[in-house]
Protein backbone atom coordinates (compact mmCIF):
# COMPACT_ATOMS: atom_id res chain seq x y z
CA UNK A 1 92.41 87.82 113.59
CA UNK A 2 89.30 86.76 111.60
CA UNK A 3 89.90 83.68 109.18
CA UNK A 4 89.32 86.68 106.32
CA UNK A 5 92.06 87.87 107.98
CA UNK A 6 94.25 85.11 108.47
CA UNK A 7 93.52 83.71 104.59
CA UNK A 8 95.00 87.63 103.42
CA UNK A 9 97.76 87.34 105.45
CA UNK A 10 98.69 83.75 104.14
CA UNK A 11 98.00 84.53 100.73
CA UNK A 12 100.52 87.39 100.96
CA UNK A 13 103.61 85.51 102.05
CA UNK A 14 102.45 83.19 99.37
CA UNK A 15 102.79 85.94 97.11
CA UNK A 16 106.09 86.77 98.56
CA UNK A 17 107.48 83.38 97.96
CA UNK A 18 106.47 83.45 94.33
CA UNK A 19 103.20 80.52 94.84
CA UNK A 20 100.71 81.87 93.01
CA UNK A 21 98.28 79.29 93.17
CA UNK A 22 98.28 78.94 96.84
CA UNK A 23 97.85 82.61 97.25
CA UNK A 24 94.65 82.20 95.39
CA UNK A 25 93.52 79.14 96.77
CA UNK A 26 93.66 81.19 100.29
CA UNK A 27 91.92 84.13 99.13
CA UNK A 28 88.95 81.90 96.69
CA UNK A 29 87.04 81.25 99.67
CA UNK A 30 86.52 84.91 101.27
CA UNK A 31 83.08 86.39 100.79
CA UNK A 32 82.57 88.04 97.72
CA UNK A 33 82.47 91.46 98.68
CA UNK A 34 86.10 91.22 100.22
CA UNK A 35 87.70 90.54 96.71
CA UNK A 36 86.94 93.85 96.08
CA UNK A 37 89.34 95.05 98.97
CA UNK A 38 92.48 96.96 97.82
CA UNK A 39 94.64 94.08 99.71
CA UNK A 40 92.92 91.43 97.92
CA UNK A 41 92.68 93.05 94.74
CA UNK A 42 96.41 93.66 94.89
CA UNK A 43 97.49 90.07 96.03
CA UNK A 44 95.34 88.89 92.93
CA UNK A 45 97.20 91.52 90.60
CA UNK A 46 100.53 89.84 91.76
CA UNK A 47 99.66 86.41 90.88
CA UNK A 48 97.85 86.95 87.74
CA UNK A 49 101.38 89.39 86.89
CA UNK A 50 103.51 86.28 88.35
CA UNK A 51 101.66 83.99 85.84
CA UNK A 52 102.39 86.94 82.75
CA UNK A 53 98.85 87.09 82.51
CA UNK A 54 99.05 90.20 81.71
CA UNK A 55 95.73 91.60 80.15
CA UNK A 56 93.98 90.12 83.21
CA UNK A 57 96.05 91.92 85.51
CA UNK A 58 95.85 95.24 83.56
CA UNK A 59 92.18 95.06 84.36
CA UNK A 60 93.01 94.70 88.16
CA UNK A 61 95.46 97.37 87.81
CA UNK A 62 93.05 99.51 86.01
CA UNK A 63 90.66 99.20 88.96
CA UNK A 64 93.25 99.69 91.57
CA UNK A 65 94.27 103.17 90.09
CA UNK A 66 90.74 103.90 90.13
CA UNK A 67 89.88 102.88 93.94
CA UNK A 68 93.26 104.53 94.83
CA UNK A 69 93.81 107.49 92.65
CA UNK A 70 96.72 108.76 95.12
CA UNK A 71 98.80 105.50 95.75
CA UNK A 72 101.67 104.84 92.83
CA UNK A 73 101.34 101.35 93.16
CA UNK A 74 98.37 100.54 90.67
CA UNK A 75 100.06 102.76 88.21
CA UNK A 76 103.30 100.95 88.83
CA UNK A 77 101.40 97.99 88.00
CA UNK A 78 99.21 99.03 84.96
CA UNK A 79 102.75 100.18 83.29
CA UNK A 80 103.94 97.19 83.90
CA UNK A 81 101.48 95.22 82.11
CA UNK A 82 101.13 97.59 78.97
CA UNK A 83 104.84 97.15 78.29
CA UNK A 84 104.63 93.29 78.62
CA UNK A 85 101.71 93.40 76.19
CA UNK A 86 103.67 95.45 73.84
CA UNK A 87 101.96 99.05 74.59
CA UNK A 88 105.09 100.85 76.00
CA UNK A 89 103.93 104.18 75.06
CA UNK A 90 100.73 103.77 76.61
CA UNK A 91 102.77 102.23 79.87
CA UNK A 92 104.94 105.59 79.60
CA UNK A 93 101.42 107.56 79.30
CA UNK A 94 99.88 105.85 82.65
CA UNK A 95 103.12 106.58 84.50
CA UNK A 96 103.47 110.29 83.18
CA UNK A 97 99.75 110.72 84.21
CA UNK A 98 99.74 109.06 87.63
CA UNK A 99 99.87 110.82 90.90
CA UNK A 100 103.04 112.67 92.42
CA UNK A 101 103.74 110.14 95.12
CA UNK A 102 104.77 107.95 91.88
CA UNK A 103 107.95 110.43 91.55
CA UNK A 104 108.90 109.36 95.24
CA UNK A 105 109.65 105.27 93.95
CA UNK A 106 112.74 104.37 92.67
CA UNK A 107 111.32 102.06 90.62
CA UNK A 108 109.14 104.67 88.61
CA UNK A 109 112.42 106.18 87.39
CA UNK A 110 113.83 102.65 86.61
CA UNK A 111 110.56 101.78 84.82
CA UNK A 112 110.38 104.83 82.76
CA UNK A 113 114.03 104.47 81.77
CA UNK A 114 113.71 100.78 80.66
CA UNK A 115 110.53 101.81 78.64
CA UNK A 116 112.18 104.90 76.93
CA UNK A 117 115.40 102.63 76.25
CA UNK A 118 112.76 100.30 74.30
CA UNK A 119 111.06 103.43 72.46
CA UNK A 120 114.93 104.44 71.33
CA UNK A 121 114.94 107.30 73.52
CA UNK A 122 118.27 106.46 74.98
CA UNK A 123 119.42 109.90 76.40
CA UNK A 124 115.76 110.09 78.37
CA UNK A 125 116.21 106.65 79.59
CA UNK A 126 119.55 107.32 81.05
CA UNK A 127 118.66 110.33 82.61
CA UNK A 128 115.65 108.28 84.36
CA UNK A 129 118.16 105.12 85.29
CA UNK A 130 120.31 107.61 86.67
CA UNK A 131 118.19 109.10 89.23
CA UNK A 132 116.64 105.61 90.03
CA UNK A 133 120.23 104.81 90.92
CA UNK A 134 120.82 107.46 93.01
CA UNK A 135 117.43 106.99 94.56
CA UNK A 136 118.20 103.18 94.94
CA UNK A 137 121.47 101.56 94.26
CA UNK A 138 120.54 98.13 94.18
CA UNK A 139 118.86 99.06 90.95
CA UNK A 140 121.73 98.62 89.37
CA UNK A 141 122.31 95.09 89.98
CA UNK A 142 118.84 94.89 88.13
CA UNK A 143 119.97 96.98 85.41
CA UNK A 144 122.68 94.31 84.31
CA UNK A 145 120.37 91.69 83.72
CA UNK A 146 117.33 93.56 82.68
CA UNK A 147 116.82 93.03 78.85
CA UNK A 148 114.80 95.85 78.49
CA UNK A 149 118.45 97.79 78.55
CA UNK A 150 120.23 95.58 76.79
CA UNK A 151 120.60 98.47 73.83
CA UNK A 152 121.98 100.96 76.25
CA UNK A 153 124.79 98.00 77.93
CA UNK A 154 127.83 100.05 76.88
CA UNK A 155 126.11 103.83 78.13
CA UNK A 156 125.51 101.83 81.70
CA UNK A 157 128.66 100.26 82.12
CA UNK A 158 130.55 103.60 81.42
CA UNK A 159 128.25 105.08 83.57
CA UNK A 160 129.76 102.40 86.36
CA UNK A 161 125.89 100.97 86.46
């Protein structure tokens, strides 16, 4: 294992622990050209999101969408950043235009449910959320605490969410 590989693995571990500053410290000595690697971009993106640096994170997520146009991750992250920046209509648009692989991810349906709830499209939101819960039952627990879904609390509880 090279020193660069060790640093990337360590940074991934720090991100999983929520230690964003430590993760970036691991990545900073990497050669400039390595900062363009998808895995390094993704780690940096997750650090920025963890620090609520939404505009900077959006720029990196957009770059991921361009570099990995068939991978769902960049699109999910870009949409989330847009939503956090108050651009929920644009977030829905990013997910709608993303690759078909997005539709294999429960988080796609969950986030679309949240975004539509915030936009006041309650029936559409519930349809997306039900699909998310069918794919991954643990998302019901997130829904109970998710402030984006406060407006649907009664409906979700009556749907056994």
